[in-house]
């Protein structure tokens, strides 16, 4: 009798442990980025400083990428679960190593470098996407094979599947903006992505050397179709819903200074004190005497100079 009760008790305990494990696994799967532990994405405005990048008739790539990166960061920052960091916030020159170091230092979960390419084909237009191709890192002189293998494992090679998934989904989003125009997707040795230790992608938002695309790029807006599509794919990649709250209305802080000047204008009615000024107006009647002495002083100055 005791044996059967022990078996039943063990079975019940095992069932409870199994159910508890499923519950914990379910909660673990449901946990995603939060405001206290946000999804970190590093956005890199391509080029900068002396490196102007590609040029259009009026637009430079370095200026466009900085403006587009700031807009994309502002768009993603509407979600408290996402933290967007820029590699540069001014017209400064940076190397590829420095750009990747910003992402590595901040333990980013995604690295995006924005560009606007040029083409020798007159009719070239539209965005393009690139991810880093798997390749063996070059071996430094005297470096052991173990160190080369270590750098191989920490390079973009291990993120190829994630990179390709992100790029394919972004390609579909861009293709939906212009029906029938599917942006190209390349897997190449991209120098700007090699040092990043997280999923990364090179996104060109257009061909700056084509007048049609240059006009479109110059009018890019924060809630435009391409930046919205890119932000939506970042949110999907982070495991979040693609809902973007409306742009917060900036408070008009310029009004308080004007209202603070109102009391000063109210203090101006010092017209009751004008009787004092009337007394001062009586002074001009006595001012002829200083006026008569003034010419004497003016005449004395040349005399002093003559001496």
Protein backbone atom coordinates (compact mmCIF):
# COMPACT_ATOMS: atom_id res chain seq x y z
CA UNK A 1 0.00 0.00 0.00
CA UNK A 2 2.78 2.37 0.90
CA UNK A 3 4.57 1.41 -2.29
CA UNK A 4 1.62 2.40 -4.49
CA UNK A 5 1.14 5.67 -2.66
CA UNK A 6 4.83 6.46 -3.13
CA UNK A 7 4.54 5.78 -6.86
CA UNK A 8 1.46 8.00 -7.12
CA UNK A 9 3.18 10.76 -5.19
CA UNK A 10 6.27 10.54 -7.41
CA UNK A 11 4.08 10.66 -10.51
CA UNK A 12 2.23 13.72 -9.26
CA UNK A 13 5.49 15.47 -8.38
CA UNK A 14 6.92 14.65 -11.79
CA UNK A 15 3.84 16.05 -13.48
CA UNK A 16 4.03 19.24 -11.42
CA UNK A 17 7.72 19.65 -12.27
CA UNK A 18 6.96 19.13 -15.96
CA UNK A 19 4.17 21.70 -15.90
CA UNK A 20 6.35 24.17 -14.03
CA UNK A 21 9.11 23.69 -16.58
CA UNK A 22 6.70 24.34 -19.45
CA UNK A 23 5.46 27.47 -17.71
CA UNK A 24 8.98 28.74 -17.18
CA UNK A 25 9.89 27.96 -20.76
CA UNK A 26 6.81 29.79 -21.97
CA UNK A 27 7.64 32.88 -19.95
CA UNK A 28 11.25 32.73 -21.08
CA UNK A 29 10.16 32.63 -24.71
CA UNK A 30 7.75 35.53 -24.21
CA UNK A 31 10.40 37.76 -22.66
CA UNK A 32 11.79 40.23 -25.18
CA UNK A 33 13.31 43.70 -25.21
CA UNK A 34 11.96 46.00 -22.54
CA UNK A 35 12.46 49.62 -21.57
CA UNK A 36 14.94 48.53 -18.89
CA UNK A 37 16.72 46.11 -21.24
CA UNK A 38 16.22 47.58 -24.72
CA UNK A 39 17.19 46.22 -28.11
CA UNK A 40 20.33 48.15 -29.09
CA UNK A 41 20.77 49.05 -32.75
CA UNK A 42 23.77 51.05 -33.95
CA UNK A 43 23.14 53.15 -37.07
CA UNK A 44 26.18 54.22 -39.04
CA UNK A 45 25.91 57.24 -41.37
CA UNK A 46 28.35 56.33 -44.12
CA UNK A 47 31.38 58.50 -44.91
CA UNK A 48 31.97 61.89 -43.25
CA UNK A 49 34.64 64.57 -42.97
CA UNK A 50 37.06 64.54 -45.88
CA UNK A 51 35.35 61.41 -47.18
CA UNK A 52 32.34 62.90 -48.91
CA UNK A 53 31.29 59.62 -50.54
CA UNK A 54 29.27 59.69 -53.75
CA UNK A 55 28.05 62.98 -55.16
CA UNK A 56 25.01 64.09 -57.03
CA UNK A 57 24.35 67.38 -58.74
CA UNK A 58 23.58 69.09 -55.42
CA UNK A 59 23.73 66.39 -52.73
CA UNK A 60 26.68 64.73 -51.03
CA UNK A 61 26.39 61.24 -49.64
CA UNK A 62 27.93 62.10 -46.27
CA UNK A 63 25.29 64.79 -45.65
CA UNK A 64 22.41 62.60 -46.75
CA UNK A 65 23.43 59.59 -44.67
CA UNK A 66 23.77 61.71 -41.52
CA UNK A 67 20.32 63.22 -42.00
CA UNK A 68 18.73 59.84 -42.80
CA UNK A 69 20.43 58.16 -39.82
CA UNK A 70 19.14 60.81 -37.42
CA UNK A 71 15.62 60.40 -38.79
CA UNK A 72 15.77 56.61 -38.48
CA UNK A 73 17.09 56.88 -34.91
CA UNK A 74 14.28 59.28 -34.01
CA UNK A 75 11.75 56.92 -35.58
CA UNK A 76 13.01 53.90 -33.61
CA UNK A 77 13.35 55.89 -30.39
CA UNK A 78 9.58 56.24 -30.28
CA UNK A 79 9.60 52.71 -28.90
CA UNK A 80 11.07 52.56 -25.37
CA UNK A 81 12.17 48.96 -26.01
CA UNK A 82 14.65 50.14 -28.67
CA UNK A 83 17.83 52.13 -28.11
CA UNK A 84 19.30 53.67 -31.27
CA UNK A 85 22.93 54.84 -31.24
CA UNK A 86 24.72 56.74 -34.03
CA UNK A 87 28.36 56.16 -34.85
CA UNK A 88 28.68 59.86 -35.67
CA UNK A 89 26.42 62.84 -35.07
CA UNK A 90 28.42 65.44 -37.00
CA UNK A 91 30.49 65.74 -40.16
CA UNK A 92 33.42 63.76 -38.78
CA UNK A 93 35.69 61.27 -40.49
CA UNK A 94 35.76 57.71 -39.14
CA UNK A 95 37.45 54.50 -40.16
CA UNK A 96 35.62 51.21 -40.62
CA UNK A 97 37.26 49.89 -37.46
CA UNK A 98 36.02 52.85 -35.42
CA UNK A 99 32.47 52.42 -36.72
CA UNK A 100 32.39 48.73 -35.85
CA UNK A 101 33.98 49.48 -32.47
CA UNK A 102 31.02 51.68 -31.53
CA UNK A 103 28.68 48.74 -32.15
CA UNK A 104 30.92 46.27 -30.33
CA UNK A 105 31.43 48.55 -27.33
CA UNK A 106 27.69 49.10 -26.89
CA UNK A 107 26.94 45.36 -27.29
CA UNK A 108 24.56 46.10 -30.13
CA UNK A 109 22.15 43.45 -31.36
CA UNK A 110 22.12 44.92 -34.89
CA UNK A 111 24.47 47.13 -36.91
CA UNK A 112 23.22 49.10 -39.91
CA UNK A 113 25.36 51.27 -42.16
CA UNK A 114 23.42 53.68 -44.41
CA UNK A 115 24.62 54.82 -47.83
CA UNK A 116 23.53 56.34 -51.14
CA UNK A 117 25.52 54.74 -53.93
CA UNK A 118 26.52 56.03 -57.35
CA UNK A 119 26.33 54.18 -60.66
CA UNK A 120 27.70 54.59 -64.12
CA UNK A 121 24.35 53.46 -65.57
CA UNK A 122 22.16 56.50 -66.32
CA UNK A 123 18.92 54.72 -65.45
CA UNK A 124 20.10 53.19 -62.18
CA UNK A 125 17.82 53.94 -59.27
CA UNK A 126 16.33 52.51 -56.12
CA UNK A 127 17.79 51.03 -52.93
CA UNK A 128 20.16 48.10 -52.58
CA UNK A 129 21.10 45.78 -49.70
CA UNK A 130 24.39 44.03 -48.95
CA UNK A 131 25.56 41.62 -46.29
CA UNK A 132 29.07 40.36 -45.62
CA UNK A 133 30.16 37.21 -47.43
CA UNK A 134 31.82 34.44 -45.40
CA UNK A 135 35.55 34.54 -45.81
CA UNK A 136 38.63 33.55 -43.88
CA UNK A 137 40.20 36.51 -42.08
CA UNK A 138 43.76 37.32 -43.22
CA UNK A 139 46.46 35.84 -41.03
CA UNK A 140 48.86 38.25 -39.37
CA UNK A 141 52.54 37.37 -39.49
CA UNK A 142 53.41 35.14 -36.53
CA UNK A 143 49.76 34.68 -35.52
CA UNK A 144 48.93 31.14 -34.36
CA UNK A 145 46.21 29.18 -36.11
CA UNK A 146 44.10 29.22 -32.95
CA UNK A 147 43.95 33.02 -33.03
CA UNK A 148 42.88 32.95 -36.69
CA UNK A 149 40.13 30.47 -35.84
CA UNK A 150 39.03 32.69 -32.96
CA UNK A 151 38.72 35.72 -35.24
CA UNK A 152 36.90 33.55 -37.78
CA UNK A 153 34.26 32.68 -35.20
CA UNK A 154 33.80 36.28 -34.08
CA UNK A 155 33.51 37.79 -37.56
CA UNK A 156 30.43 38.15 -39.76
CA UNK A 157 30.67 34.50 -40.87
CA UNK A 158 28.61 33.24 -37.94
CA UNK A 159 25.87 35.81 -38.59
CA UNK A 160 25.33 35.02 -42.26
CA UNK A 161 21.97 33.30 -41.71
CA UNK A 162 20.62 36.17 -39.57
CA UNK A 163 21.99 38.76 -41.98
CA UNK A 164 20.41 37.05 -44.96
CA UNK A 165 17.05 36.71 -43.21
CA UNK A 166 17.06 40.41 -42.30
CA UNK A 167 18.09 41.42 -45.83
CA UNK A 168 15.45 39.25 -47.55
CA UNK A 169 12.65 40.64 -45.39
CA UNK A 170 13.85 44.19 -45.96
CA UNK A 171 14.02 43.50 -49.69
CA UNK A 172 10.34 42.50 -49.66
CA UNK A 173 9.41 45.68 -47.82
CA UNK A 174 11.30 47.87 -50.27
CA UNK A 175 9.79 46.00 -53.24
CA UNK A 176 6.29 46.72 -51.92
CA UNK A 177 6.97 50.46 -52.08
CA UNK A 178 7.51 50.38 -55.83
CA UNK A 179 5.59 47.53 -57.40
CA UNK A 180 7.74 45.48 -59.75
CA UNK A 181 11.03 47.05 -58.61
CA UNK A 182 12.82 44.54 -56.44
CA UNK A 183 16.01 45.99 -54.98
CA UNK A 184 19.15 43.91 -55.48
CA UNK A 185 20.59 41.87 -52.63
CA UNK A 186 24.32 41.16 -52.67
CA UNK A 187 26.51 38.98 -50.47
CA UNK A 188 29.92 40.59 -50.79
CA UNK A 189 33.04 41.32 -48.79
CA UNK A 190 31.84 44.62 -47.31
CA UNK A 191 34.62 46.36 -45.40
CA UNK A 192 32.21 48.44 -43.30
CA UNK A 193 30.70 45.28 -41.82
CA UNK A 194 33.70 43.04 -41.26
CA UNK A 195 34.56 44.19 -37.73
CA UNK A 196 31.01 44.03 -36.34
CA UNK A 197 30.37 41.13 -33.95
CA UNK A 198 26.62 41.09 -34.41
CA UNK A 199 24.16 40.81 -37.32
CA UNK A 200 24.84 43.65 -39.73
CA UNK A 201 23.68 44.99 -43.08
CA UNK A 202 24.68 47.62 -45.61
CA UNK A 203 21.62 49.54 -46.81
CA UNK A 204 21.79 51.93 -49.75
CA UNK A 205 18.65 54.03 -49.90
CA UNK A 206 19.11 55.12 -53.50
CA UNK A 207 21.43 56.08 -56.34
CA UNK A 208 22.59 59.61 -55.67
CA UNK A 209 24.13 60.01 -59.13
CA UNK A 210 20.74 59.62 -60.86
CA UNK A 211 18.77 62.91 -60.92
CA UNK A 212 15.47 61.16 -60.18
CA UNK A 213 16.83 59.37 -57.14
CA UNK A 214 18.79 62.40 -55.97
CA UNK A 215 15.58 64.43 -55.91
CA UNK A 216 13.87 61.69 -53.91
CA UNK A 217 16.76 61.39 -51.46
CA UNK A 218 16.89 65.15 -50.91
CA UNK A 219 13.23 65.09 -49.84
CA UNK A 220 13.49 62.08 -47.52
CA UNK A 221 11.28 62.39 -44.45
CA UNK A 222 11.21 60.68 -41.07
CA UNK A 223 7.88 59.02 -41.81
CA UNK A 224 8.68 58.37 -45.47
CA UNK A 225 8.12 54.90 -46.93
CA UNK A 226 11.74 53.74 -46.98
CA UNK A 227 12.67 54.78 -43.46
CA UNK A 228 9.37 53.44 -42.14
CA UNK A 229 10.01 50.11 -43.88
CA UNK A 230 13.52 49.96 -42.45
CA UNK A 231 12.30 50.78 -38.95
CA UNK A 232 9.56 48.15 -39.24
CA UNK A 233 12.06 45.46 -40.16
CA UNK A 234 14.33 46.43 -37.27
CA UNK A 235 11.37 46.06 -34.90
CA UNK A 236 10.47 42.68 -36.40
CA UNK A 237 14.08 41.53 -36.12
CA UNK A 238 14.03 42.57 -32.46
CA UNK A 239 10.93 40.45 -31.85
CA UNK A 240 8.67 43.46 -31.30
CA UNK A 241 5.43 44.54 -32.87
CA UNK A 242 5.75 47.01 -35.70
CA UNK A 243 3.56 49.63 -34.11
CA UNK A 244 5.17 53.05 -34.14
CA UNK A 245 3.65 55.67 -31.84
CA UNK A 246 2.97 59.06 -33.43
CA UNK A 247 5.70 61.62 -33.37
CA UNK A 248 5.66 63.40 -30.01
CA UNK A 249 4.60 67.01 -30.17
CA UNK A 250 7.44 69.22 -29.09
CA UNK A 251 6.33 71.76 -26.48
CA UNK A 252 6.54 75.37 -27.57
CA UNK A 253 9.21 76.54 -25.17
CA UNK A 254 9.65 79.80 -27.04
CA UNK A 255 6.42 81.18 -25.56
CA UNK A 256 7.63 81.54 -21.93
CA UNK A 257 10.41 84.01 -22.82
CA UNK A 258 7.89 86.17 -24.63
CA UNK A 259 5.50 86.02 -21.68
CA UNK A 260 8.35 86.83 -19.34
CA UNK A 261 8.92 89.98 -21.31
CA UNK A 262 5.31 90.97 -20.73
CA UNK A 263 5.89 92.05 -17.13
CA UNK A 264 8.76 94.20 -18.35
CA UNK A 265 6.43 95.86 -20.82
CA UNK A 266 3.90 96.25 -18.02
CA UNK A 267 6.53 97.98 -15.95
CA UNK A 268 7.14 100.42 -18.75
CA UNK A 269 4.09 102.47 -17.84
CA UNK A 270 6.36 104.72 -15.84
CA UNK A 271 4.63 107.63 -17.50
CA UNK A 272 3.45 108.81 -14.08
CA UNK A 273 7.08 109.54 -13.38
CA UNK A 274 7.24 111.84 -16.36
CA UNK A 275 6.82 114.85 -14.06
CA UNK A 276 10.40 114.17 -13.04
CA UNK A 277 11.32 114.32 -16.69
CA UNK A 278 9.47 117.62 -16.84
CA UNK A 279 11.77 118.85 -14.11
CA UNK A 280 14.63 117.61 -16.16
CA UNK A 281 13.12 119.50 -19.07
CA UNK A 282 13.54 122.62 -17.00
CA UNK A 283 17.25 122.00 -16.99
CA UNK A 284 17.63 122.95 -20.61
CA UNK A 285 16.80 126.48 -19.59
CA UNK A 286 19.91 126.39 -17.43
CA UNK A 287 21.84 124.42 -20.05
CA UNK A 288 22.75 127.50 -22.07
CA UNK A 289 25.38 128.34 -19.46
CA UNK A 290 27.14 124.98 -19.88
CA UNK A 291 26.65 125.41 -23.56
CA UNK A 292 28.49 128.73 -23.40
CA UNK A 293 31.33 127.23 -21.41
CA UNK A 294 31.55 124.30 -23.83
CA UNK A 295 32.84 126.42 -26.70
CA UNK A 296 35.47 127.84 -24.39
CA UNK A 297 36.59 124.31 -23.51
CA UNK A 298 36.61 123.41 -27.19
CA UNK A 299 38.71 126.44 -27.93
CA UNK A 300 41.02 125.58 -25.10
CA UNK A 301 41.79 122.18 -26.55
CA UNK A 302 43.41 123.51 -29.70
CA UNK A 303 45.35 125.98 -27.61
CA UNK A 304 46.66 123.11 -25.52
CA UNK A 305 47.58 121.29 -28.65
CA UNK A 306 49.39 124.33 -29.93
CA UNK A 307 51.42 124.45 -26.76
